[in-house]
C-alpha atoms as a PDB file:
ATOM      1  CA  UNK A   1      93.962 137.522  92.360  1.00  0.00           C
ATOM      2  CA  UNK A   2      95.345 134.336  93.905  1.00  0.00           C
ATOM      3  CA  UNK A   3      97.066 131.456  92.126  1.00  0.00           C
ATOM      4  CA  UNK A   4      95.213 128.324  93.252  1.00  0.00           C
ATOM      5  CA  UNK A   5      96.121 124.696  92.712  1.00  0.00           C
ATOM      6  CA  UNK A   6      93.197 122.281  92.770  1.00  0.00           C
ATOM      7  CA  UNK A   7      94.967 118.940  93.219  1.00  0.00           C
ATOM      8  CA  UNK A   8      92.970 115.724  93.089  1.00  0.00           C
ATOM      9  CA  UNK A   9      93.238 111.954  93.213  1.00  0.00           C
ATOM     10  CA  UNK A  10      90.663 109.976  91.290  1.00  0.00           C
ATOM     11  CA  UNK A  11      90.019 106.449  90.089  1.00  0.00           C
ATOM     12  CA  UNK A  12      87.046 106.793  87.731  1.00  0.00           C
ATOM     13  CA  UNK A  13      87.260 110.537  86.896  1.00  0.00           C
ATOM     14  CA  UNK A  14      84.339 111.644  89.099  1.00  0.00           C
ATOM     15  CA  UNK A  15      86.656 113.471  91.521  1.00  0.00           C
ATOM     16  CA  UNK A  16      88.592 114.944  88.587  1.00  0.00           C
ATOM     17  CA  UNK A  17      85.337 116.399  87.248  1.00  0.00           C
ATOM     18  CA  UNK A  18      84.638 117.956  90.666  1.00  0.00           C
ATOM     19  CA  UNK A  19      88.166 119.420  90.794  1.00  0.00           C
ATOM     20  CA  UNK A  20      87.795 120.913  87.307  1.00  0.00           C
ATOM     21  CA  UNK A  21      84.454 122.460  88.328  1.00  0.00           C
ATOM     22  CA  UNK A  22      86.078 124.001  91.421  1.00  0.00           C
ATOM     23  CA  UNK A  23      88.955 125.411  89.352  1.00  0.00           C
ATOM     24  CA  UNK A  24      86.468 126.767  86.804  1.00  0.00           C
ATOM     25  CA  UNK A  25      84.432 128.536  89.469  1.00  0.00           C
ATOM     26  CA  UNK A  26      87.574 130.042  91.001  1.00  0.00           C
ATOM     27  CA  UNK A  27      88.616 131.330  87.559  1.00  0.00           C
ATOM     28  CA  UNK A  28      85.129 132.747  86.987  1.00  0.00           C
ATOM     29  CA  UNK A  29      85.583 134.713  90.215  1.00  0.00           C
ATOM     30  CA  UNK A  30      88.893 136.227  89.152  1.00  0.00           C
ATOM     31  CA  UNK A  31      91.514 133.794  90.436  1.00  0.00           C
ATOM     32  CA  UNK A  32      94.128 131.910  88.432  1.00  0.00           C
ATOM     33  CA  UNK A  33      93.256 128.298  89.160  1.00  0.00           C
ATOM     34  CA  UNK A  34      94.387 125.039  87.658  1.00  0.00           C
ATOM     35  CA  UNK A  35      93.292 121.479  88.312  1.00  0.00           C
ATOM     36  CA  UNK A  36      96.026 118.835  88.345  1.00  0.00           C
ATOM     37  CA  UNK A  37      96.429 115.239  89.413  1.00  0.00           C
ATOM     38  CA  UNK A  38      97.873 115.153  92.926  1.00  0.00           C
ATOM     39  CA  UNK A  39     100.435 112.515  91.970  1.00  0.00           C
ATOM     40  CA  UNK A  40     102.426 114.917  89.809  1.00  0.00           C
ATOM     41  CA  UNK A  41     101.576 118.230  91.465  1.00  0.00           C
ATOM     42  CA  UNK A  42     103.406 120.571  93.806  1.00  0.00           C
ATOM     43  CA  UNK A  43     102.131 123.552  95.784  1.00  0.00           C
ATOM     44  CA  UNK A  44     105.274 125.514  94.872  1.00  0.00           C
ATOM     45  CA  UNK A  45     104.370 128.774  93.156  1.00  0.00           C
ATOM     46  CA  UNK A  46     100.749 128.798  94.330  1.00  0.00           C
ATOM     47  CA  UNK A  47      99.064 131.054  96.883  1.00  0.00           C
ATOM     48  CA  UNK A  48      96.451 128.497  97.953  1.00  0.00           C
ATOM     49  CA  UNK A  49      95.553 124.840  97.478  1.00  0.00           C
ATOM     50  CA  UNK A  50      92.352 122.839  97.281  1.00  0.00           C
ATOM     51  CA  UNK A  51      93.049 119.114  97.659  1.00  0.00           C
ATOM     52  CA  UNK A  52      90.460 116.458  96.923  1.00  0.00           C
ATOM     53  CA  UNK A  53      90.292 112.715  96.777  1.00  0.00           C
ATOM     54  CA  UNK A  54      87.939 109.937  95.937  1.00  0.00           C
ATOM     55  CA  UNK A  55      87.229 107.989  99.113  1.00  0.00           C
ATOM     56  CA  UNK A  56      86.831 104.248  99.238  1.00  0.00           C
ATOM     57  CA  UNK A  57      85.987 102.450 102.495  1.00  0.00           C
ATOM     58  CA  UNK A  58      86.884 105.582 104.435  1.00  0.00           C
ATOM     59  CA  UNK A  59      90.304 105.961 102.776  1.00  0.00           C
ATOM     60  CA  UNK A  60      91.665 108.614 100.472  1.00  0.00           C
ATOM     61  CA  UNK A  61      93.584 107.628  97.358  1.00  0.00           C
ATOM     62  CA  UNK A  62      97.321 107.193  97.863  1.00  0.00           C
ATOM     63  CA  UNK A  63      98.242 110.109  95.554  1.00  0.00           C
ATOM     64  CA  UNK A  64      96.264 112.602  97.663  1.00  0.00           C
ATOM     65  CA  UNK A  65      97.663 111.243 100.940  1.00  0.00           C
ATOM     66  CA  UNK A  66     101.193 111.570  99.557  1.00  0.00           C
ATOM     67  CA  UNK A  67     100.535 115.114  98.340  1.00  0.00           C
ATOM     68  CA  UNK A  68      99.343 116.096 101.814  1.00  0.00           C
ATOM     69  CA  UNK A  69     102.452 114.572 103.403  1.00  0.00           C
ATOM     70  CA  UNK A  70     105.016 115.813 100.865  1.00  0.00           C
ATOM     71  CA  UNK A  71     103.601 119.338 100.679  1.00  0.00           C
ATOM     72  CA  UNK A  72     102.945 119.722 104.417  1.00  0.00           C
ATOM     73  CA  UNK A  73     105.524 122.493 104.928  1.00  0.00           C
ATOM     74  CA  UNK A  74     104.068 124.599 102.104  1.00  0.00           C
ATOM     75  CA  UNK A  75     100.465 123.852 103.090  1.00  0.00           C
ATOM     76  CA  UNK A  76     101.110 124.940 106.674  1.00  0.00           C
ATOM     77  CA  UNK A  77     102.036 128.405 105.348  1.00  0.00           C
ATOM     78  CA  UNK A  78      99.128 128.982 102.972  1.00  0.00           C
ATOM     79  CA  UNK A  79      95.346 128.773 102.928  1.00  0.00           C
ATOM     80  CA  UNK A  80      94.139 125.350 101.859  1.00  0.00           C
ATOM     81  CA  UNK A  81      90.902 123.393 101.757  1.00  0.00           C
ATOM     82  CA  UNK A  82      90.152 119.692 101.299  1.00  0.00           C
ATOM     83  CA  UNK A  83      87.230 117.743  99.919  1.00  0.00           C
ATOM     84  CA  UNK A  84      86.296 114.092  99.779  1.00  0.00           C
ATOM     85  CA  UNK A  85      84.149 112.496  97.114  1.00  0.00           C
ATOM     86  CA  UNK A  86      82.141 109.388  98.049  1.00  0.00           C
ATOM     87  CA  UNK A  87      81.376 106.797  95.734  1.00  0.00           C
ATOM     88  CA  UNK A  88      77.959 107.988  96.803  1.00  0.00           C
ATOM     89  CA  UNK A  89      78.848 110.554  99.471  1.00  0.00           C
ATOM     90  CA  UNK A  90      76.500 111.500 102.248  1.00  0.00           C
ATOM     91  CA  UNK A  91      72.930 110.441 101.507  1.00  0.00           C
ATOM     92  CA  UNK A  92      70.494 113.116 100.464  1.00  0.00           C
ATOM     93  CA  UNK A  93      67.385 113.484 102.644  1.00  0.00           C
ATOM     94  CA  UNK A  94      65.244 111.558 100.134  1.00  0.00           C
ATOM     95  CA  UNK A  95      67.814 108.763  99.647  1.00  0.00           C
ATOM     96  CA  UNK A  96      66.811 105.206 100.535  1.00  0.00           C
ATOM     97  CA  UNK A  97      67.832 104.059 104.020  1.00  0.00           C
ATOM     98  CA  UNK A  98      71.338 102.698 104.157  1.00  0.00           C
ATOM     99  CA  UNK A  99      72.999 100.900 107.045  1.00  0.00           C
ATOM    100  CA  UNK A 100      76.486 101.937 105.962  1.00  0.00           C
ATOM    101  CA  UNK A 101      77.250 105.435 107.245  1.00  0.00           C
ATOM    102  CA  UNK A 102      79.697 107.721 105.488  1.00  0.00           C
ATOM    103  CA  UNK A 103      83.206 107.011 106.774  1.00  0.00           C
ATOM    104  CA  UNK A 104      85.467 110.050 106.710  1.00  0.00           C
ATOM    105  CA  UNK A 105      89.188 109.516 106.224  1.00  0.00           C
ATOM    106  CA  UNK A 106      89.850 110.316 109.894  1.00  0.00           C
ATOM    107  CA  UNK A 107      93.665 110.189 109.847  1.00  0.00           C
ATOM    108  CA  UNK A 108      93.895 112.348 106.734  1.00  0.00           C
ATOM    109  CA  UNK A 109      91.554 114.952 108.190  1.00  0.00           C
ATOM    110  CA  UNK A 110      93.517 114.994 111.451  1.00  0.00           C
ATOM    111  CA  UNK A 111      96.705 115.567 109.461  1.00  0.00           C
ATOM    112  CA  UNK A 112      95.073 118.368 107.443  1.00  0.00           C
ATOM    113  CA  UNK A 113      93.721 119.987 110.624  1.00  0.00           C
ATOM    114  CA  UNK A 114      97.193 119.915 112.182  1.00  0.00           C
ATOM    115  CA  UNK A 115      98.428 121.876 109.135  1.00  0.00           C
ATOM    116  CA  UNK A 116      95.638 124.459 109.444  1.00  0.00           C
ATOM    117  CA  UNK A 117      93.152 123.370 106.787  1.00  0.00           C
ATOM    118  CA  UNK A 118      90.382 125.942 106.433  1.00  0.00           C
ATOM    119  CA  UNK A 119      87.590 123.426 105.780  1.00  0.00           C
ATOM    120  CA  UNK A 120      86.862 119.831 104.787  1.00  0.00           C
ATOM    121  CA  UNK A 121      83.691 118.990 102.884  1.00  0.00           C
ATOM    122  CA  UNK A 122      82.237 115.757 101.583  1.00  0.00           C
ATOM    123  CA  UNK A 123      80.603 115.754  98.166  1.00  0.00           C
ATOM    124  CA  UNK A 124      78.491 112.983  96.798  1.00  0.00           C
ATOM    125  CA  UNK A 125      80.209 110.916  94.182  1.00  0.00           C
ATOM    126  CA  UNK A 126      79.298 108.758  91.241  1.00  0.00           C
ATOM    127  CA  UNK A 127      79.065 104.995  91.078  1.00  0.00           C
ATOM    128  CA  UNK A 128      81.717 103.809  88.595  1.00  0.00           C
ATOM    129  CA  UNK A 129      80.235 103.644  85.127  1.00  0.00           C
ATOM    130  CA  UNK A 130      83.225 101.593  83.956  1.00  0.00           C
ATOM    131  CA  UNK A 131      83.353  98.890  86.639  1.00  0.00           C
ATOM    132  CA  UNK A 132      86.684  97.155  86.820  1.00  0.00           C
ATOM    133  CA  UNK A 133      85.964  94.474  89.393  1.00  0.00           C
ATOM    134  CA  UNK A 134      83.196  92.448  90.997  1.00  0.00           C
ATOM    135  CA  UNK A 135      82.452  95.015  93.735  1.00  0.00           C
ATOM    136  CA  UNK A 136      82.153  97.893  91.249  1.00  0.00           C
ATOM    137  CA  UNK A 137      79.961  95.822  88.910  1.00  0.00           C
ATOM    138  CA  UNK A 138      77.701  94.958  91.865  1.00  0.00           C
ATOM    139  CA  UNK A 139      77.520  98.635  92.873  1.00  0.00           C
ATOM    140  CA  UNK A 140      76.482  99.627  89.373  1.00  0.00           C
ATOM    141  CA  UNK A 141      73.920  96.826  89.051  1.00  0.00           C
ATOM    142  CA  UNK A 142      72.434  97.293  92.551  1.00  0.00           C
ATOM    143  CA  UNK A 143      72.279 101.084  92.729  1.00  0.00           C
ATOM    144  CA  UNK A 144      69.093 102.637  91.349  1.00  0.00           C
ATOM    145  CA  UNK A 145      69.860 104.951  88.446  1.00  0.00           C
ATOM    146  CA  UNK A 146      68.668 108.025  90.374  1.00  0.00           C
ATOM    147  CA  UNK A 147      71.366 107.376  93.004  1.00  0.00           C
ATOM    148  CA  UNK A 148      74.288 106.539  90.728  1.00  0.00           C
ATOM    149  CA  UNK A 149      75.476 110.163  90.540  1.00  0.00           C
ATOM    150  CA  UNK A 150      74.984 112.190  93.723  1.00  0.00           C
ATOM    151  CA  UNK A 151      77.309 115.047  92.876  1.00  0.00           C
ATOM    152  CA  UNK A 152      75.522 118.309  93.679  1.00  0.00           C
ATOM    153  CA  UNK A 153      76.985 120.819  91.242  1.00  0.00           C
ATOM    154  CA  UNK A 154      75.246 123.777  92.921  1.00  0.00           C
ATOM    155  CA  UNK A 155      76.793 122.772  96.258  1.00  0.00           C
ATOM    156  CA  UNK A 156      80.226 122.393  94.620  1.00  0.00           C
ATOM    157  CA  UNK A 157      79.973 125.832  92.978  1.00  0.00           C
ATOM    158  CA  UNK A 158      78.764 127.433  96.236  1.00  0.00           C
ATOM    159  CA  UNK A 159      81.702 125.966  98.190  1.00  0.00           C
ATOM    160  CA  UNK A 160      84.096 127.123  95.480  1.00  0.00           C
ATOM    161  CA  UNK A 161      82.557 130.584  95.719  1.00  0.00           C
ATOM    162  CA  UNK A 162      83.210 130.688  99.464  1.00  0.00           C
ATOM    163  CA  UNK A 163      86.854 129.796  98.795  1.00  0.00           C
ATOM    164  CA  UNK A 164      87.092 132.554  96.166  1.00  0.00           C
ATOM    165  CA  UNK A 165      85.659 135.074  98.638  1.00  0.00           C
ATOM    166  CA  UNK A 166      88.074 133.992 101.368  1.00  0.00           C
ATOM    167  CA  UNK A 167      90.988 134.483  98.976  1.00  0.00           C
ATOM    168  CA  UNK A 168      89.760 137.918  97.975  1.00  0.00           C
ATOM    169  CA  UNK A 169      89.496 139.295 101.519  1.00  0.00           C
END
């Protein structure tokens, strides 16, 4: 059994919900996992880390970037995985055409790769249901309801299961 920290940075709780689902799946598979906000978390005392962030305009949230930087020495010595959450993530095959391609947080992923990250995945996200500015209100108003939440819970559980298996072997 591994002790796993699932650290996350979120703005509208969508990424937090993904992190809690990952931690829950890891616990269901026999590991001691806890989800915590990246801003107040440390990898000290854990055997592995999963780090996730909401991504806006190809950038991770500051709290997740700081966690990656501040915990780099610990992360380099343990298995860790990272995930990004869209606002809408990568389009599903039946999604309407969209000129804007998914923009990965390139610098963050390069930093994680230099530390030995096992894998980076991109999960669909959710359009903010509590818009706080003009852009978010426009996203909510202009996104068809069927595309407002593209989180694939089966995909999230499957990825979490692969992490659990890797920690068991």
